[in-house]
Amino acid sequence: MFVSVVTSHQEQDKKYILLDEQMNKLIEDSGCYLFTMLCGQQEETELGKRWAAVNGAPVRYLKASSSADLLGQLIKKSDYIIFILDGAAAINNAFMKYKNLGKHGSVIRLK
């Protein structure tokens, strides 16, 4: 299963804790431990990469010409996306596109 994390790059430590909780819930609910995290190559601090490194999950890197291109690829290629919504317009728009495709995912709303 290809899993992605889509969020802005603010408050990464707080978001990592929430991501870890959500991934543990996904593992528990689905009984699936075989995840490949889809990530962009440009950010060393990307949450998906960080979670995969800590938990021993494989990572597949996507090459993208822009942030918009990367979001489009993640939406198309992911089986499950965890959206961490913090008010960033591009992330909210990506969430709506993914939802309209009928794919599965989770939403974490930051206050």
Protein backbone atom coordinates (compact mmCIF):
# COMPACT_ATOMS: atom_id res chain seq x y z
CA MET A 1 0.00 0.00 0.00
CA PHE A 2 1.32 3.44 -0.91
CA VAL A 3 0.78 5.98 1.87
CA SER A 4 1.47 9.72 1.71
CA VAL A 5 1.40 12.61 4.14
CA VAL A 6 0.27 15.99 2.84
CA THR A 7 0.78 19.08 4.97
CA SER A 8 2.55 22.43 5.07
CA HIS A 9 6.02 22.72 6.58
CA GLN A 10 5.02 24.47 9.79
CA GLU A 11 5.09 22.96 13.30
CA GLN A 12 6.73 19.72 12.13
CA ASP A 13 7.34 18.25 15.60
CA LYS A 14 3.70 18.64 16.64
CA LYS A 15 2.54 17.19 13.32
CA TYR A 16 4.93 14.24 13.61
CA ILE A 17 3.35 13.16 16.89
CA LEU A 18 -0.12 13.36 15.31
CA LEU A 19 1.11 11.46 12.23
CA ASP A 20 2.61 8.70 14.37
CA GLU A 21 -0.68 8.32 16.25
CA GLN A 22 -2.63 8.17 12.97
CA MET A 23 -0.27 5.61 11.40
CA ASN A 24 -0.50 3.40 14.50
CA LYS A 25 -4.30 3.61 14.26
CA LEU A 26 -4.16 2.73 10.54
CA ILE A 27 -1.96 -0.29 11.29
CA GLU A 28 -4.26 -1.43 14.10
CA ASP A 29 -7.49 -0.92 12.12
CA SER A 30 -6.29 -2.43 8.84
CA GLY A 31 -4.00 -5.14 10.20
CA CYS A 32 -1.59 -4.10 7.44
CA TYR A 33 2.03 -3.45 8.30
CA LEU A 34 3.30 -3.24 4.73
CA PHE A 35 3.40 0.42 3.81
CA THR A 36 5.58 2.21 1.31
CA MET A 37 5.72 5.91 2.03
CA LEU A 38 5.53 8.10 -1.08
CA CYS A 39 7.61 11.26 -0.67
CA GLY A 40 9.08 14.13 -2.62
CA GLN A 41 12.85 14.37 -2.76
CA GLN A 42 13.31 18.02 -1.95
CA GLU A 43 12.73 18.10 1.80
CA GLU A 44 14.91 16.24 4.27
CA THR A 45 12.46 17.08 7.04
CA GLU A 46 9.40 15.68 5.25
CA LEU A 47 7.15 13.96 7.78
CA GLY A 48 6.61 10.81 5.71
CA LYS A 49 10.36 10.25 5.34
CA ARG A 50 10.87 10.84 9.04
CA TRP A 51 8.12 8.39 10.02
CA ALA A 52 9.44 5.76 7.59
CA ALA A 53 13.01 6.10 8.90
CA VAL A 54 11.92 5.72 12.53
CA ASN A 55 9.60 2.78 11.79
CA GLY A 56 11.64 0.92 9.18
CA ALA A 57 9.18 1.44 6.32
CA PRO A 58 10.39 1.70 2.73
CA VAL A 59 10.20 5.01 0.89
CA ARG A 60 9.53 5.62 -2.80
CA TYR A 61 10.60 9.03 -4.03
CA LEU A 62 8.64 10.97 -6.62
CA LYS A 63 10.37 13.48 -8.86
CA ALA A 64 8.36 16.63 -9.35
CA SER A 65 9.00 19.94 -11.05
CA SER A 66 6.99 21.92 -8.47
CA SER A 67 4.96 21.56 -5.29
CA ALA A 68 1.77 21.48 -7.37
CA ASP A 69 3.21 18.68 -9.52
CA LEU A 70 4.18 16.72 -6.40
CA LEU A 71 0.68 17.11 -4.93
CA GLY A 72 -0.84 15.89 -8.20
CA GLN A 73 1.40 12.83 -8.24
CA LEU A 74 0.67 12.01 -4.60
CA ILE A 75 -3.07 12.23 -5.25
CA LYS A 76 -2.80 9.99 -8.29
CA LYS A 77 -0.41 7.34 -6.92
CA SER A 78 -1.34 7.07 -3.24
CA ASP A 79 -3.68 4.41 -1.93
CA TYR A 80 -4.08 6.28 1.36
CA ILE A 81 -3.21 9.87 2.24
CA ILE A 82 -3.06 11.45 5.65
CA PHE A 83 -3.90 15.13 5.29
CA ILE A 84 -2.81 17.40 8.12
CA LEU A 85 -4.91 20.51 7.53
CA ASP A 86 -3.60 23.71 9.04
CA GLY A 87 -5.28 26.30 6.83
CA ALA A 88 -2.86 26.19 3.88
CA ALA A 89 -5.01 26.67 0.76
CA ALA A 90 -3.02 24.27 -1.46
CA ILE A 91 -3.39 21.46 1.08
CA ASN A 92 -7.13 22.07 1.45
CA ASN A 93 -7.53 22.01 -2.36
CA ALA A 94 -5.52 18.77 -2.63
CA PHE A 95 -7.75 17.21 0.04
CA MET A 96 -10.88 18.06 -1.97
CA LYS A 97 -9.39 16.60 -5.20
CA TYR A 98 -8.47 13.38 -3.40
CA LYS A 99 -11.88 13.14 -1.74
CA ASN A 100 -13.64 13.60 -5.09
CA LEU A 101 -11.71 10.61 -6.50
CA GLY A 102 -13.30 8.40 -3.84
CA LYS A 103 -9.94 7.31 -2.42
CA HIS A 104 -9.31 6.57 1.24
CA GLY A 105 -7.49 8.68 3.75
CA SER A 106 -7.49 10.43 7.07
CA VAL A 107 -7.75 14.06 8.04
CA ILE A 108 -6.08 15.67 11.03
CA ARG A 109 -7.31 19.22 11.57
CA LEU A 110 -5.02 21.51 13.52
CA LYS A 111 -6.55 24.23 15.60
